[in-house]
C-alpha atoms as a PDB file:
ATOM      1  CA  UNK A   1      54.361-110.656 -18.540  1.00  0.00           C
ATOM      2  CA  UNK A   2      54.012-107.058 -19.411  1.00  0.00           C
ATOM      3  CA  UNK A   3      51.969-105.988 -22.499  1.00  0.00           C
ATOM      4  CA  UNK A   4      54.059-104.506 -25.546  1.00  0.00           C
ATOM      5  CA  UNK A   5      53.700-100.804 -25.689  1.00  0.00           C
ATOM      6  CA  UNK A   6      51.223 -99.620 -28.585  1.00  0.00           C
ATOM      7  CA  UNK A   7      54.357 -97.589 -29.915  1.00  0.00           C
ATOM      8  CA  UNK A   8      56.329-101.134 -30.300  1.00  0.00           C
ATOM      9  CA  UNK A   9      53.343-102.648 -31.641  1.00  0.00           C
ATOM     10  CA  UNK A  10      52.969 -99.829 -34.363  1.00  0.00           C
ATOM     11  CA  UNK A  11      56.679 -99.913 -35.099  1.00  0.00           C
ATOM     12  CA  UNK A  12      56.631-103.750 -35.645  1.00  0.00           C
ATOM     13  CA  UNK A  13      53.780-103.393 -37.954  1.00  0.00           C
ATOM     14  CA  UNK A  14      55.189-100.585 -40.183  1.00  0.00           C
ATOM     15  CA  UNK A  15      58.480-102.441 -40.380  1.00  0.00           C
ATOM     16  CA  UNK A  16      56.353-105.675 -41.834  1.00  0.00           C
ATOM     17  CA  UNK A  17      54.403-103.621 -44.135  1.00  0.00           C
ATOM     18  CA  UNK A  18      57.849-101.879 -45.329  1.00  0.00           C
ATOM     19  CA  UNK A  19      59.032-105.147 -46.192  1.00  0.00           C
ATOM     20  CA  UNK A  20      55.881-106.207 -47.944  1.00  0.00           C
ATOM     21  CA  UNK A  21      55.928-102.889 -49.879  1.00  0.00           C
ATOM     22  CA  UNK A  22      59.497-103.326 -51.048  1.00  0.00           C
ATOM     23  CA  UNK A  23      59.175-106.988 -52.094  1.00  0.00           C
ATOM     24  CA  UNK A  24      55.817-105.968 -54.105  1.00  0.00           C
ATOM     25  CA  UNK A  25      57.617-103.044 -55.651  1.00  0.00           C
ATOM     26  CA  UNK A  26      60.704-105.463 -56.558  1.00  0.00           C
ATOM     27  CA  UNK A  27      58.288-108.181 -57.913  1.00  0.00           C
ATOM     28  CA  UNK A  28      56.549-105.631 -59.988  1.00  0.00           C
ATOM     29  CA  UNK A  29      59.745-104.268 -61.407  1.00  0.00           C
ATOM     30  CA  UNK A  30      60.686-107.842 -62.197  1.00  0.00           C
ATOM     31  CA  UNK A  31      57.186-108.667 -63.865  1.00  0.00           C
ATOM     32  CA  UNK A  32      58.159-105.398 -66.108  1.00  0.00           C
ATOM     33  CA  UNK A  33      61.877-106.810 -66.840  1.00  0.00           C
ATOM     34  CA  UNK A  34      60.895-110.071 -67.691  1.00  0.00           C
ATOM     35  CA  UNK A  35      58.282-108.942 -70.132  1.00  0.00           C
ATOM     36  CA  UNK A  36      60.796-106.328 -71.850  1.00  0.00           C
ATOM     37  CA  UNK A  37      62.432-108.468 -74.073  1.00  0.00           C
ATOM     38  CA  UNK A  38      60.995-107.097 -77.428  1.00  0.00           C
ATOM     39  CA  UNK A  39      62.485-103.705 -76.791  1.00  0.00           C
ATOM     40  CA  UNK A  40      66.011-105.259 -77.724  1.00  0.00           C
ATOM     41  CA  UNK A  41      64.531-107.693 -80.196  1.00  0.00           C
ATOM     42  CA  UNK A  42      63.342-105.087 -82.120  1.00  0.00           C
ATOM     43  CA  UNK A  43      66.540-102.688 -82.261  1.00  0.00           C
ATOM     44  CA  UNK A  44      68.487-102.176 -85.348  1.00  0.00           C
ATOM     45  CA  UNK A  45      71.915-101.257 -83.490  1.00  0.00           C
ATOM     46  CA  UNK A  46      73.451-104.572 -82.803  1.00  0.00           C
ATOM     47  CA  UNK A  47      76.433-102.534 -81.004  1.00  0.00           C
ATOM     48  CA  UNK A  48      73.959-100.398 -78.833  1.00  0.00           C
ATOM     49  CA  UNK A  49      72.361-103.404 -77.849  1.00  0.00           C
ATOM     50  CA  UNK A  50      75.361-105.178 -77.002  1.00  0.00           C
ATOM     51  CA  UNK A  51      76.468-102.518 -74.560  1.00  0.00           C
ATOM     52  CA  UNK A  52      73.081-102.131 -73.139  1.00  0.00           C
ATOM     53  CA  UNK A  53      72.460-105.714 -72.105  1.00  0.00           C
ATOM     54  CA  UNK A  54      75.174-106.440 -69.498  1.00  0.00           C
ATOM     55  CA  UNK A  55      73.537-103.930 -67.096  1.00  0.00           C
ATOM     56  CA  UNK A  56      70.069-105.225 -67.795  1.00  0.00           C
ATOM     57  CA  UNK A  57      71.405-108.506 -66.797  1.00  0.00           C
ATOM     58  CA  UNK A  58      73.014-107.446 -63.804  1.00  0.00           C
ATOM     59  CA  UNK A  59      69.828-105.760 -63.024  1.00  0.00           C
ATOM     60  CA  UNK A  60      67.824-108.999 -63.009  1.00  0.00           C
ATOM     61  CA  UNK A  61      70.467-110.573 -60.722  1.00  0.00           C
ATOM     62  CA  UNK A  62      69.936-107.791 -58.370  1.00  0.00           C
ATOM     63  CA  UNK A  63      66.590-108.291 -58.348  1.00  0.00           C
ATOM     64  CA  UNK A  64      66.846-111.978 -57.943  1.00  0.00           C
ATOM     65  CA  UNK A  65      68.984-111.566 -55.075  1.00  0.00           C
ATOM     66  CA  UNK A  66      66.069-109.758 -53.520  1.00  0.00           C
ATOM     67  CA  UNK A  67      63.196-112.011 -54.869  1.00  0.00           C
ATOM     68  CA  UNK A  68      64.931-115.223 -55.503  1.00  0.00           C
ATOM     69  CA  UNK A  69      61.783-117.175 -56.671  1.00  0.00           C
ATOM     70  CA  UNK A  70      60.608-114.644 -59.271  1.00  0.00           C
ATOM     71  CA  UNK A  71      59.558-116.933 -62.174  1.00  0.00           C
ATOM     72  CA  UNK A  72      59.745-114.223 -64.762  1.00  0.00           C
ATOM     73  CA  UNK A  73      63.174-113.213 -63.534  1.00  0.00           C
ATOM     74  CA  UNK A  74      64.485-116.800 -63.489  1.00  0.00           C
ATOM     75  CA  UNK A  75      63.494-117.233 -67.084  1.00  0.00           C
ATOM     76  CA  UNK A  76      64.765-113.887 -68.027  1.00  0.00           C
ATOM     77  CA  UNK A  77      67.879-114.612 -66.534  1.00  0.00           C
ATOM     78  CA  UNK A  78      68.280-118.075 -68.479  1.00  0.00           C
ATOM     79  CA  UNK A  79      67.195-116.525 -71.630  1.00  0.00           C
ATOM     80  CA  UNK A  80      68.904-113.261 -71.594  1.00  0.00           C
ATOM     81  CA  UNK A  81      72.379-114.726 -70.603  1.00  0.00           C
ATOM     82  CA  UNK A  82      72.295-117.402 -73.349  1.00  0.00           C
ATOM     83  CA  UNK A  83      71.251-114.925 -75.996  1.00  0.00           C
ATOM     84  CA  UNK A  84      73.746-112.283 -74.938  1.00  0.00           C
ATOM     85  CA  UNK A  85      76.611-114.842 -74.826  1.00  0.00           C
ATOM     86  CA  UNK A  86      75.683-116.168 -78.231  1.00  0.00           C
ATOM     87  CA  UNK A  87      75.444-113.002 -79.881  1.00  0.00           C
ATOM     88  CA  UNK A  88      78.323-110.862 -78.147  1.00  0.00           C
ATOM     89  CA  UNK A  89      80.667-113.699 -76.927  1.00  0.00           C
ATOM     90  CA  UNK A  90      80.858-116.653 -78.784  1.00  0.00           C
ATOM     91  CA  UNK A  91      80.467-114.902 -82.070  1.00  0.00           C
ATOM     92  CA  UNK A  92      83.205-112.906 -81.301  1.00  0.00           C
ATOM     93  CA  UNK A  93      85.176-115.707 -80.363  1.00  0.00           C
ATOM     94  CA  UNK A  94      84.391-117.602 -83.833  1.00  0.00           C
ATOM     95  CA  UNK A  95      85.545-114.683 -85.696  1.00  0.00           C
ATOM     96  CA  UNK A  96      88.749-114.246 -83.943  1.00  0.00           C
ATOM     97  CA  UNK A  97      89.457-118.134 -84.716  1.00  0.00           C
ATOM     98  CA  UNK A  98      91.702-117.005 -87.902  1.00  0.00           C
ATOM     99  CA  UNK A  99      93.418-113.709 -86.419  1.00  0.00           C
ATOM    100  CA  UNK A 100      93.975-114.040 -82.634  1.00  0.00           C
ATOM    101  CA  UNK A 101      94.094-117.323 -80.746  1.00  0.00           C
ATOM    102  CA  UNK A 102      94.534-116.050 -77.413  1.00  0.00           C
ATOM    103  CA  UNK A 103      91.311-113.835 -77.922  1.00  0.00           C
ATOM    104  CA  UNK A 104      89.204-116.749 -78.940  1.00  0.00           C
ATOM    105  CA  UNK A 105      90.345-118.912 -76.265  1.00  0.00           C
ATOM    106  CA  UNK A 106      89.654-116.209 -73.722  1.00  0.00           C
ATOM    107  CA  UNK A 107      86.343-115.374 -75.453  1.00  0.00           C
ATOM    108  CA  UNK A 108      85.291-119.236 -75.431  1.00  0.00           C
ATOM    109  CA  UNK A 109      86.252-119.431 -71.813  1.00  0.00           C
ATOM    110  CA  UNK A 110      84.286-116.511 -70.743  1.00  0.00           C
ATOM    111  CA  UNK A 111      81.068-117.822 -73.059  1.00  0.00           C
ATOM    112  CA  UNK A 112      81.166-121.049 -71.435  1.00  0.00           C
ATOM    113  CA  UNK A 113      80.839-119.631 -67.757  1.00  0.00           C
ATOM    114  CA  UNK A 114      78.206-117.321 -68.974  1.00  0.00           C
ATOM    115  CA  UNK A 115      76.227-120.191 -70.666  1.00  0.00           C
ATOM    116  CA  UNK A 116      76.526-122.558 -67.350  1.00  0.00           C
ATOM    117  CA  UNK A 117      75.543-119.352 -65.508  1.00  0.00           C
ATOM    118  CA  UNK A 118      72.305-119.454 -67.484  1.00  0.00           C
ATOM    119  CA  UNK A 119      71.652-123.054 -67.210  1.00  0.00           C
ATOM    120  CA  UNK A 120      71.966-122.607 -63.301  1.00  0.00           C
ATOM    121  CA  UNK A 121      69.128-119.949 -63.645  1.00  0.00           C
ATOM    122  CA  UNK A 122      66.931-122.169 -65.789  1.00  0.00           C
ATOM    123  CA  UNK A 123      67.424-125.004 -63.440  1.00  0.00           C
ATOM    124  CA  UNK A 124      66.534-122.791 -60.644  1.00  0.00           C
ATOM    125  CA  UNK A 125      63.479-122.027 -62.278  1.00  0.00           C
ATOM    126  CA  UNK A 126      62.623-125.479 -62.754  1.00  0.00           C
ATOM    127  CA  UNK A 127      63.598-126.797 -59.415  1.00  0.00           C
ATOM    128  CA  UNK A 128      61.302-124.048 -57.930  1.00  0.00           C
ATOM    129  CA  UNK A 129      58.188-125.320 -60.236  1.00  0.00           C
ATOM    130  CA  UNK A 130      58.976-129.022 -59.384  1.00  0.00           C
ATOM    131  CA  UNK A 131      61.168-129.613 -56.320  1.00  0.00           C
ATOM    132  CA  UNK A 132      63.927-132.048 -56.392  1.00  0.00           C
ATOM    133  CA  UNK A 133      63.979-131.612 -60.121  1.00  0.00           C
ATOM    134  CA  UNK A 134      67.442-131.268 -60.432  1.00  0.00           C
ATOM    135  CA  UNK A 135      68.772-134.238 -58.052  1.00  0.00           C
ATOM    136  CA  UNK A 136      65.929-136.418 -60.317  1.00  0.00           C
ATOM    137  CA  UNK A 137      67.321-135.082 -63.649  1.00  0.00           C
ATOM    138  CA  UNK A 138      70.920-136.357 -62.594  1.00  0.00           C
ATOM    139  CA  UNK A 139      69.676-139.568 -61.547  1.00  0.00           C
ATOM    140  CA  UNK A 140      67.069-140.396 -64.507  1.00  0.00           C
ATOM    141  CA  UNK A 141      66.907-137.604 -67.096  1.00  0.00           C
ATOM    142  CA  UNK A 142      63.904-139.192 -69.150  1.00  0.00           C
ATOM    143  CA  UNK A 143      62.051-140.085 -66.112  1.00  0.00           C
ATOM    144  CA  UNK A 144      62.342-136.716 -64.429  1.00  0.00           C
ATOM    145  CA  UNK A 145      61.212-134.436 -67.152  1.00  0.00           C
ATOM    146  CA  UNK A 146      57.915-136.220 -67.196  1.00  0.00           C
ATOM    147  CA  UNK A 147      56.925-134.097 -64.100  1.00  0.00           C
ATOM    148  CA  UNK A 148      57.071-131.047 -66.293  1.00  0.00           C
ATOM    149  CA  UNK A 149      54.277-129.498 -68.518  1.00  0.00           C
ATOM    150  CA  UNK A 150      53.610-127.044 -71.227  1.00  0.00           C
ATOM    151  CA  UNK A 151      54.081-124.213 -69.074  1.00  0.00           C
ATOM    152  CA  UNK A 152      57.642-125.252 -68.443  1.00  0.00           C
ATOM    153  CA  UNK A 153      58.496-125.254 -71.893  1.00  0.00           C
ATOM    154  CA  UNK A 154      60.378-121.859 -72.022  1.00  0.00           C
ATOM    155  CA  UNK A 155      62.517-123.006 -69.009  1.00  0.00           C
ATOM    156  CA  UNK A 156      63.137-126.411 -70.562  1.00  0.00           C
ATOM    157  CA  UNK A 157      64.333-124.848 -73.976  1.00  0.00           C
ATOM    158  CA  UNK A 158      66.438-122.196 -72.438  1.00  0.00           C
ATOM    159  CA  UNK A 159      68.156-124.510 -69.904  1.00  0.00           C
ATOM    160  CA  UNK A 160      68.800-126.812 -72.895  1.00  0.00           C
ATOM    161  CA  UNK A 161      70.180-124.179 -75.218  1.00  0.00           C
ATOM    162  CA  UNK A 162      72.553-122.957 -72.534  1.00  0.00           C
ATOM    163  CA  UNK A 163      73.753-126.101 -71.665  1.00  0.00           C
ATOM    164  CA  UNK A 164      74.168-127.580 -75.018  1.00  0.00           C
ATOM    165  CA  UNK A 165      76.134-124.347 -76.020  1.00  0.00           C
ATOM    166  CA  UNK A 166      78.358-124.850 -72.988  1.00  0.00           C
ATOM    167  CA  UNK A 167      79.014-128.456 -73.935  1.00  0.00           C
ATOM    168  CA  UNK A 168      79.876-127.165 -77.540  1.00  0.00           C
ATOM    169  CA  UNK A 169      82.918-125.436 -76.018  1.00  0.00           C
ATOM    170  CA  UNK A 170      83.852-127.876 -73.461  1.00  0.00           C
ATOM    171  CA  UNK A 171      85.583-130.492 -75.528  1.00  0.00           C
ATOM    172  CA  UNK A 172      88.242-130.879 -73.027  1.00  0.00           C
ATOM    173  CA  UNK A 173      85.616-131.237 -70.265  1.00  0.00           C
ATOM    174  CA  UNK A 174      84.346-134.927 -69.837  1.00  0.00           C
ATOM    175  CA  UNK A 175      81.999-134.402 -67.011  1.00  0.00           C
ATOM    176  CA  UNK A 176      80.321-131.519 -68.835  1.00  0.00           C
ATOM    177  CA  UNK A 177      80.010-133.537 -71.840  1.00  0.00           C
ATOM    178  CA  UNK A 178      78.386-136.393 -70.098  1.00  0.00           C
ATOM    179  CA  UNK A 179      75.461-134.291 -69.693  1.00  0.00           C
ATOM    180  CA  UNK A 180      74.346-134.817 -73.068  1.00  0.00           C
ATOM    181  CA  UNK A 181      71.936-137.305 -71.898  1.00  0.00           C
ATOM    182  CA  UNK A 182      70.333-134.581 -69.995  1.00  0.00           C
ATOM    183  CA  UNK A 183      70.355-131.738 -72.388  1.00  0.00           C
ATOM    184  CA  UNK A 184      68.371-134.277 -74.702  1.00  0.00           C
ATOM    185  CA  UNK A 185      65.925-135.162 -72.161  1.00  0.00           C
ATOM    186  CA  UNK A 186      64.973-131.575 -71.670  1.00  0.00           C
ATOM    187  CA  UNK A 187      64.831-130.494 -75.120  1.00  0.00           C
ATOM    188  CA  UNK A 188      62.838-133.747 -76.414  1.00  0.00           C
ATOM    189  CA  UNK A 189      60.603-132.939 -73.564  1.00  0.00           C
ATOM    190  CA  UNK A 190      60.067-129.344 -74.596  1.00  0.00           C
ATOM    191  CA  UNK A 191      59.311-130.614 -78.094  1.00  0.00           C
ATOM    192  CA  UNK A 192      56.823-133.152 -77.083  1.00  0.00           C
ATOM    193  CA  UNK A 193      55.092-131.051 -75.167  1.00  0.00           C
ATOM    194  CA  UNK A 194      54.987-127.874 -77.648  1.00  0.00           C
ATOM    195  CA  UNK A 195      56.753-128.458 -80.798  1.00  0.00           C
ATOM    196  CA  UNK A 196      55.661-125.142 -82.420  1.00  0.00           C
ATOM    197  CA  UNK A 197      57.230-123.214 -79.416  1.00  0.00           C
ATOM    198  CA  UNK A 198      58.331-119.498 -80.348  1.00  0.00           C
ATOM    199  CA  UNK A 199      57.704-119.953 -84.169  1.00  0.00           C
ATOM    200  CA  UNK A 200      59.857-123.221 -84.068  1.00  0.00           C
ATOM    201  CA  UNK A 201      62.939-122.211 -81.719  1.00  0.00           C
ATOM    202  CA  UNK A 202      63.219-125.753 -80.778  1.00  0.00           C
ATOM    203  CA  UNK A 203      63.286-126.972 -84.358  1.00  0.00           C
ATOM    204  CA  UNK A 204      66.239-124.296 -84.747  1.00  0.00           C
ATOM    205  CA  UNK A 205      67.831-125.930 -81.892  1.00  0.00           C
ATOM    206  CA  UNK A 206      67.445-129.234 -83.204  1.00  0.00           C
ATOM    207  CA  UNK A 207      68.735-128.331 -86.740  1.00  0.00           C
ATOM    208  CA  UNK A 208      72.068-127.869 -84.994  1.00  0.00           C
ATOM    209  CA  UNK A 209      71.800-130.491 -82.691  1.00  0.00           C
ATOM    210  CA  UNK A 210      70.734-133.466 -84.559  1.00  0.00           C
ATOM    211  CA  UNK A 211      74.185-134.073 -86.191  1.00  0.00           C
ATOM    212  CA  UNK A 212      75.772-134.492 -82.619  1.00  0.00           C
ATOM    213  CA  UNK A 213      73.108-136.749 -81.470  1.00  0.00           C
ATOM    214  CA  UNK A 214      74.063-140.004 -80.221  1.00  0.00           C
ATOM    215  CA  UNK A 215      72.495-143.598 -80.422  1.00  0.00           C
ATOM    216  CA  UNK A 216      69.221-141.993 -82.318  1.00  0.00           C
ATOM    217  CA  UNK A 217      67.753-144.112 -84.936  1.00  0.00           C
ATOM    218  CA  UNK A 218      67.298-142.716 -88.704  1.00  0.00           C
ATOM    219  CA  UNK A 219      69.421-140.436 -90.588  1.00  0.00           C
ATOM    220  CA  UNK A 220      70.769-137.460 -88.629  1.00  0.00           C
ATOM    221  CA  UNK A 221      70.911-135.315 -91.962  1.00  0.00           C
ATOM    222  CA  UNK A 222      67.304-136.295 -92.655  1.00  0.00           C
ATOM    223  CA  UNK A 223      66.202-135.076 -89.108  1.00  0.00           C
ATOM    224  CA  UNK A 224      68.161-131.857 -89.170  1.00  0.00           C
ATOM    225  CA  UNK A 225      66.348-131.052 -92.718  1.00  0.00           C
ATOM    226  CA  UNK A 226      62.827-131.800 -91.233  1.00  0.00           C
ATOM    227  CA  UNK A 227      63.309-129.171 -88.440  1.00  0.00           C
ATOM    228  CA  UNK A 228      64.718-126.802 -90.994  1.00  0.00           C
ATOM    229  CA  UNK A 229      61.690-127.186 -92.971  1.00  0.00           C
ATOM    230  CA  UNK A 230      59.304-126.938 -89.863  1.00  0.00           C
ATOM    231  CA  UNK A 231      61.040-123.653 -88.555  1.00  0.00           C
ATOM    232  CA  UNK A 232      61.041-122.135 -92.263  1.00  0.00           C
ATOM    233  CA  UNK A 233      57.501-123.047 -92.372  1.00  0.00           C
ATOM    234  CA  UNK A 234      56.414-121.517 -89.059  1.00  0.00           C
ATOM    235  CA  UNK A 235      58.379-118.168 -89.398  1.00  0.00           C
ATOM    236  CA  UNK A 236      57.388-117.935 -93.280  1.00  0.00           C
ATOM    237  CA  UNK A 237      60.812-117.860 -94.452  1.00  0.00           C
ATOM    238  CA  UNK A 238      61.343-114.423 -92.784  1.00  0.00           C
ATOM    239  CA  UNK A 239      63.945-115.705 -90.171  1.00  0.00           C
ATOM    240  CA  UNK A 240      67.333-116.178 -90.928  1.00  0.00           C
ATOM    241  CA  UNK A 241      68.490-118.487 -88.543  1.00  0.00           C
ATOM    242  CA  UNK A 242      67.066-121.641 -90.166  1.00  0.00           C
ATOM    243  CA  UNK A 243      69.152-120.850 -93.365  1.00  0.00           C
ATOM    244  CA  UNK A 244      72.406-120.195 -91.470  1.00  0.00           C
ATOM    245  CA  UNK A 245      72.094-123.218 -89.212  1.00  0.00           C
ATOM    246  CA  UNK A 246      71.640-125.881 -92.180  1.00  0.00           C
ATOM    247  CA  UNK A 247      74.345-124.341 -94.154  1.00  0.00           C
ATOM    248  CA  UNK A 248      76.848-124.505 -91.300  1.00  0.00           C
ATOM    249  CA  UNK A 249      76.009-128.017 -90.212  1.00  0.00           C
ATOM    250  CA  UNK A 250      74.298-130.028 -93.084  1.00  0.00           C
ATOM    251  CA  UNK A 251      75.843-128.395 -96.209  1.00  0.00           C
ATOM    252  CA  UNK A 252      79.338-128.313 -94.673  1.00  0.00           C
ATOM    253  CA  UNK A 253      79.294-131.825 -93.467  1.00  0.00           C
ATOM    254  CA  UNK A 254      77.892-132.940 -97.122  1.00  0.00           C
ATOM    255  CA  UNK A 255      80.675-130.557 -98.479  1.00  0.00           C
ATOM    256  CA  UNK A 256      77.839-129.135-100.694  1.00  0.00           C
ATOM    257  CA  UNK A 257      79.059-125.841-101.591  1.00  0.00           C
ATOM    258  CA  UNK A 258      76.332-125.148-103.861  1.00  0.00           C
ATOM    259  CA  UNK A 259      73.662-125.611-100.823  1.00  0.00           C
ATOM    260  CA  UNK A 260      75.797-123.800 -98.581  1.00  0.00           C
ATOM    261  CA  UNK A 261      75.994-120.711-101.088  1.00  0.00           C
ATOM    262  CA  UNK A 262      72.362-120.673-101.541  1.00  0.00           C
ATOM    263  CA  UNK A 263      71.034-121.065 -98.037  1.00  0.00           C
ATOM    264  CA  UNK A 264      73.432-118.155 -96.966  1.00  0.00           C
ATOM    265  CA  UNK A 265      72.176-116.358-100.093  1.00  0.00           C
ATOM    266  CA  UNK A 266      68.369-116.761 -98.852  1.00  0.00           C
ATOM    267  CA  UNK A 267      69.542-115.722 -95.165  1.00  0.00           C
ATOM    268  CA  UNK A 268      70.985-112.622 -96.457  1.00  0.00           C
ATOM    269  CA  UNK A 269      67.998-111.490 -98.616  1.00  0.00           C
ATOM    270  CA  UNK A 270      65.948-111.676 -95.673  1.00  0.00           C
ATOM    271  CA  UNK A 271      64.480-108.157 -95.114  1.00  0.00           C
ATOM    272  CA  UNK A 272      65.226-107.514 -91.109  1.00  0.00           C
ATOM    273  CA  UNK A 273      62.287-104.838 -91.420  1.00  0.00           C
ATOM    274  CA  UNK A 274      59.572-107.284 -92.163  1.00  0.00           C
ATOM    275  CA  UNK A 275      59.401-108.700 -88.856  1.00  0.00           C
ATOM    276  CA  UNK A 276      60.533-106.100 -86.231  1.00  0.00           C
ATOM    277  CA  UNK A 277      60.374-108.329 -83.369  1.00  0.00           C
ATOM    278  CA  UNK A 278      63.044-110.501 -85.228  1.00  0.00           C
ATOM    279  CA  UNK A 279      65.048-107.497 -86.439  1.00  0.00           C
ATOM    280  CA  UNK A 280      68.005-107.712 -84.115  1.00  0.00           C
ATOM    281  CA  UNK A 281      68.478-111.452 -84.445  1.00  0.00           C
ATOM    282  CA  UNK A 282      68.100-111.114 -88.356  1.00  0.00           C
ATOM    283  CA  UNK A 283      70.774-108.535 -88.485  1.00  0.00           C
ATOM    284  CA  UNK A 284      73.227-110.650 -86.200  1.00  0.00           C
ATOM    285  CA  UNK A 285      72.676-113.921 -87.983  1.00  0.00           C
ATOM    286  CA  UNK A 286      73.336-111.964 -91.546  1.00  0.00           C
ATOM    287  CA  UNK A 287      76.463-111.066 -90.075  1.00  0.00           C
ATOM    288  CA  UNK A 288      77.362-114.415 -89.209  1.00  0.00           C
ATOM    289  CA  UNK A 289      76.288-115.418 -92.712  1.00  0.00           C
ATOM    290  CA  UNK A 290      78.648-112.926 -94.171  1.00  0.00           C
ATOM    291  CA  UNK A 291      81.595-114.355 -92.031  1.00  0.00           C
ATOM    292  CA  UNK A 292      80.685-117.906 -93.365  1.00  0.00           C
ATOM    293  CA  UNK A 293      80.826-116.725 -96.720  1.00  0.00           C
ATOM    294  CA  UNK A 294      84.488-115.272 -96.180  1.00  0.00           C
ATOM    295  CA  UNK A 295      85.625-118.598 -94.631  1.00  0.00           C
ATOM    296  CA  UNK A 296      83.954-120.555 -97.301  1.00  0.00           C
ATOM    297  CA  UNK A 297      87.538-121.835 -98.916  1.00  0.00           C
ATOM    298  CA  UNK A 298      88.358-123.032 -95.490  1.00  0.00           C
ATOM    299  CA  UNK A 299      85.288-125.011 -94.985  1.00  0.00           C
ATOM    300  CA  UNK A 300      85.219-126.795 -98.158  1.00  0.00           C
ATOM    301  CA  UNK A 301      88.078-128.940 -99.763  1.00  0.00           C
ATOM    302  CA  UNK A 302      89.451-127.583-102.967  1.00  0.00           C
END
């Protein structure tokens, strides 16, 4: 066997180095993108962010195609697609309900697909950390989630949020609705590991979810109010989301117009500049609060 020439050896070495440098660069860009969420969150222009986010999300997906196991990018994709879909697709669908049924149905179909995309990125992230997790989750969700730890809480939360949101738009899909036990296992595990995660974000999820939970002990309204109280305390009353969540769930179910008005009034009164990192979320939530007020007569019996 002849020895390889020095030129061939050098060429192979340079090619390998080039691949390594490319992968390193992709991962560094991925790290930067994965930690840049506050740039959008602090913006005061909902429309501008709505136009920019699709490009950012597609860039994340492009980088994931090159570096499919990047933890930060997988979390950024799961959280980014979930937030974009709620703020700019599902909300538009809800607001079209009274005026354009065809548009509403089209937007809800798109929202469901995007939520499932977000869910799948979350599952990929959890699978990368815990091999066999997805299969185990579908076999025995309660047992599967015990393999997760505190570092997994962001992925547990965003996977559950995306999955539950897709289910809420899939009343005609019994296979997807049957995944409710999995969503509950994910979110309950996240709550058990870090109940205060992201200033009570899990509590915010559960304000909306408790009334739909099946077979749980106790009063679902009392559980929703407990989560409301916790998130308001953790955010010092500077986040509009818990007020709108309780208004559109508990106050509407109880047909308590006075509480509905009071909660939405508190949401609208929040200064979006008091916490810049929540500015965009507060602006979007106040927009929803004003829309709910406009629909008050449809939500409450005369």
